[in-house]
């Protein structure tokens, strides 16, 4: 049997967390769920639709391979994969596929608000057996396909600041490439 590391990367509001929870449910609910800095708090995968499930919180010091070797789950679902310590923890996921015979399904954002790949997302793209497009299309305000996440403060796009700002007062929106590059939120 062939096992895979599958990446589901996209923009905000494309249903990543909902799809992660759906995968877990449809695969029998016996696998391990991981998350990192979910909007719902530590140790939970939550979707904007109101779905939520307990998960293991990934911290920078966790060796995912060692933990999975000990737990021996039938599969692994990782949400908010963009926040993993890269390349180390993403390498652990690939090693779990190859060395432990596990299917790993990883869900997250492809790029940050500046339009740059998150380091963990980049490593996942480099190692994934498959990269799948998320089924939910998110549109820019102009109607074109949304391809970029934008940080907005007081109605104006923000082009500086930490990539992860916990508790910030900014909002986020999805834009097409053209409007993201032009700074037109």
Protein backbone atom coordinates (compact mmCIF):
# COMPACT_ATOMS: atom_id res chain seq x y z
CA UNK A 1 0.00 0.00 0.00
CA UNK A 2 1.21 3.47 -0.86
CA UNK A 3 0.93 6.20 1.77
CA UNK A 4 0.86 9.92 1.01
CA UNK A 5 1.55 13.36 2.34
CA UNK A 6 -1.24 15.47 0.86
CA UNK A 7 -1.27 19.28 1.02
CA UNK A 8 -4.44 21.35 0.94
CA UNK A 9 -3.24 24.94 0.79
CA UNK A 10 -5.19 28.04 -0.10
CA UNK A 11 -6.55 31.37 1.05
CA UNK A 12 -8.63 32.30 4.05
CA UNK A 13 -12.32 31.38 4.00
CA UNK A 14 -11.76 28.50 1.56
CA UNK A 15 -12.97 25.92 4.06
CA UNK A 16 -9.62 24.43 5.14
CA UNK A 17 -10.59 23.68 8.73
CA UNK A 18 -14.04 22.46 7.75
CA UNK A 19 -12.46 20.11 5.20
CA UNK A 20 -9.90 18.91 7.75
CA UNK A 21 -12.71 17.99 10.17
CA UNK A 22 -14.68 16.37 7.34
CA UNK A 23 -11.66 14.21 6.41
CA UNK A 24 -11.31 13.10 10.02
CA UNK A 25 -14.98 12.18 10.18
CA UNK A 26 -15.08 10.39 6.83
CA UNK A 27 -11.94 8.37 7.63
CA UNK A 28 -13.58 7.00 10.75
CA UNK A 29 -12.55 9.51 13.39
CA UNK A 30 -9.76 7.32 14.78
CA UNK A 31 -6.75 9.30 13.51
CA UNK A 32 -4.76 12.01 15.22
CA UNK A 33 -5.71 15.65 14.76
CA UNK A 34 -3.06 18.35 15.11
CA UNK A 35 -3.40 22.11 15.00
CA UNK A 36 -1.22 25.13 15.63
CA UNK A 37 -2.56 28.52 16.77
CA UNK A 38 -6.18 27.91 15.75
CA UNK A 39 -8.60 30.84 16.02
CA UNK A 40 -10.61 28.80 18.56
CA UNK A 41 -7.71 28.50 21.00
CA UNK A 42 -5.11 25.94 21.95
CA UNK A 43 -5.87 22.30 21.25
CA UNK A 44 -8.89 22.74 19.00
CA UNK A 45 -9.62 22.80 15.29
CA UNK A 46 -12.45 25.24 14.66
CA UNK A 47 -14.12 26.38 11.47
CA UNK A 48 -15.93 29.60 10.76
CA UNK A 49 -19.06 27.47 10.24
CA UNK A 50 -19.04 26.62 13.94
CA UNK A 51 -17.60 23.11 13.71
CA UNK A 52 -14.91 22.27 16.25
CA UNK A 53 -12.99 19.23 17.46
CA UNK A 54 -10.34 18.64 20.06
CA UNK A 55 -6.83 18.34 18.62
CA UNK A 56 -3.24 18.14 19.79
CA UNK A 57 -1.55 21.53 19.82
CA UNK A 58 1.76 21.59 17.96
CA UNK A 59 4.40 23.63 19.75
CA UNK A 60 7.87 24.36 18.33
CA UNK A 61 9.53 21.74 20.55
CA UNK A 62 7.32 18.77 19.58
CA UNK A 63 8.95 16.02 17.55
CA UNK A 64 5.97 14.93 15.48
CA UNK A 65 7.70 11.82 14.15
CA UNK A 66 8.53 10.49 17.61
CA UNK A 67 5.01 11.23 18.86
CA UNK A 68 3.38 9.52 15.88
CA UNK A 69 5.72 6.52 16.20
CA UNK A 70 4.53 6.12 19.78
CA UNK A 71 0.81 6.72 19.09
CA UNK A 72 0.57 4.66 15.86
CA UNK A 73 -2.61 6.30 14.52
CA UNK A 74 -4.29 5.08 11.32
CA UNK A 75 -3.88 8.56 9.72
CA UNK A 76 -2.97 12.14 10.61
CA UNK A 77 -4.81 15.41 9.92
CA UNK A 78 -2.93 18.67 10.50
CA UNK A 79 -4.72 22.02 10.38
CA UNK A 80 -3.00 25.42 10.36
CA UNK A 81 0.06 23.68 8.92
CA UNK A 82 1.54 27.05 7.88
CA UNK A 83 2.45 27.71 11.53
CA UNK A 84 4.54 24.56 12.01
CA UNK A 85 8.27 24.91 12.56
CA UNK A 86 9.70 24.50 9.10
CA UNK A 87 11.41 22.58 7.74
CA UNK A 88 11.78 20.42 10.86
CA UNK A 89 8.16 19.57 11.66
CA UNK A 90 7.10 19.33 8.03
CA UNK A 91 10.00 16.91 7.54
CA UNK A 92 8.60 14.91 10.48
CA UNK A 93 5.29 14.59 8.63
CA UNK A 94 7.00 13.32 5.48
CA UNK A 95 9.09 10.94 7.58
CA UNK A 96 5.89 9.61 9.20
CA UNK A 97 4.49 8.81 5.77
CA UNK A 98 7.67 7.09 4.63
CA UNK A 99 8.83 5.48 7.86
CA UNK A 100 5.61 4.74 9.73
CA UNK A 101 3.25 4.03 6.83
CA UNK A 102 0.76 6.80 7.61
CA UNK A 103 -1.37 8.99 5.38
CA UNK A 104 -0.95 12.63 6.39
CA UNK A 105 -3.43 15.30 5.29
CA UNK A 106 -2.18 18.86 5.88
CA UNK A 107 -4.39 21.95 5.63
CA UNK A 108 -3.33 25.57 5.77
CA UNK A 109 -2.66 28.91 4.18
CA UNK A 110 -0.27 29.03 1.25
CA UNK A 111 0.88 32.65 1.69
CA UNK A 112 0.91 35.35 4.34
CA UNK A 113 -0.61 38.83 4.05
CA UNK A 114 2.42 40.02 2.08
CA UNK A 115 1.88 37.35 -0.57
CA UNK A 116 4.91 35.31 0.54
CA UNK A 117 4.91 31.59 1.15
CA UNK A 118 4.86 30.64 4.80
CA UNK A 119 8.08 28.66 5.43
CA UNK A 120 6.12 25.55 6.49
CA UNK A 121 3.84 25.83 3.46
CA UNK A 122 6.88 26.11 1.21
CA UNK A 123 8.43 22.99 2.72
CA UNK A 124 5.12 21.16 2.42
CA UNK A 125 4.93 22.08 -1.28
CA UNK A 126 8.46 20.73 -1.70
CA UNK A 127 7.70 17.39 -0.01
CA UNK A 128 4.02 16.65 -0.69
CA UNK A 129 3.06 13.66 -2.78
CA UNK A 130 0.01 15.65 -3.91
CA UNK A 131 -1.13 19.25 -3.67
CA UNK A 132 -4.90 19.61 -3.93
CA UNK A 133 -6.94 22.71 -4.66
CA UNK A 134 -9.52 23.46 -2.02
CA UNK A 135 -13.05 22.94 -3.33
CA UNK A 136 -14.48 26.26 -2.10
CA UNK A 137 -13.76 29.23 -4.36
CA UNK A 138 -13.26 32.54 -2.59
CA UNK A 139 -13.63 35.67 -4.69
CA UNK A 140 -12.02 39.07 -4.51
CA UNK A 141 -14.38 42.04 -4.20
CA UNK A 142 -14.11 42.43 -7.99
CA UNK A 143 -15.45 38.92 -8.61
CA UNK A 144 -12.13 37.38 -9.75
CA UNK A 145 -10.75 34.30 -8.00
CA UNK A 146 -9.18 35.24 -4.68
CA UNK A 147 -5.54 34.18 -4.56
CA UNK A 148 -4.02 36.33 -1.81
CA UNK A 149 -4.72 37.12 1.83
CA UNK A 150 -4.57 40.81 2.75
CA UNK A 151 -4.31 42.50 6.15
CA UNK A 152 -6.46 45.62 6.42
CA UNK A 153 -6.42 48.35 9.05
CA UNK A 154 -8.96 51.17 8.94
CA UNK A 155 -9.89 50.22 5.38
CA UNK A 156 -6.29 50.34 4.10
CA UNK A 157 -4.03 47.39 3.26
CA UNK A 158 -1.12 46.90 5.65
CA UNK A 159 2.28 45.95 4.24
CA UNK A 160 4.31 45.66 7.43
CA UNK A 161 4.24 43.94 10.79
CA UNK A 162 4.77 40.47 12.13
CA UNK A 163 3.39 37.66 10.01
CA UNK A 164 1.54 36.34 13.07
CA UNK A 165 0.04 38.97 15.33
CA UNK A 166 -2.06 37.41 18.05
CA UNK A 167 -4.91 39.65 19.14
CA UNK A 168 -4.21 42.31 16.53
CA UNK A 169 -6.90 44.81 15.62
CA UNK A 170 -6.54 44.24 11.89
CA UNK A 171 -8.99 42.43 9.66
CA UNK A 172 -8.19 40.14 6.78
CA UNK A 173 -9.70 39.78 3.36
CA UNK A 174 -9.07 37.76 0.23
CA UNK A 175 -8.05 39.55 -2.96
CA UNK A 176 -7.11 38.60 -6.51
CA UNK A 177 -3.44 39.03 -7.43
CA UNK A 178 -4.06 42.28 -9.27
CA UNK A 179 -5.80 44.01 -6.37
CA UNK A 180 -3.39 42.58 -3.80
CA UNK A 181 -0.38 43.92 -5.73
CA UNK A 182 -2.12 47.27 -6.20
CA UNK A 183 -3.02 47.46 -2.51
CA UNK A 184 -6.72 47.84 -3.23
CA UNK A 185 -8.68 46.15 -0.48
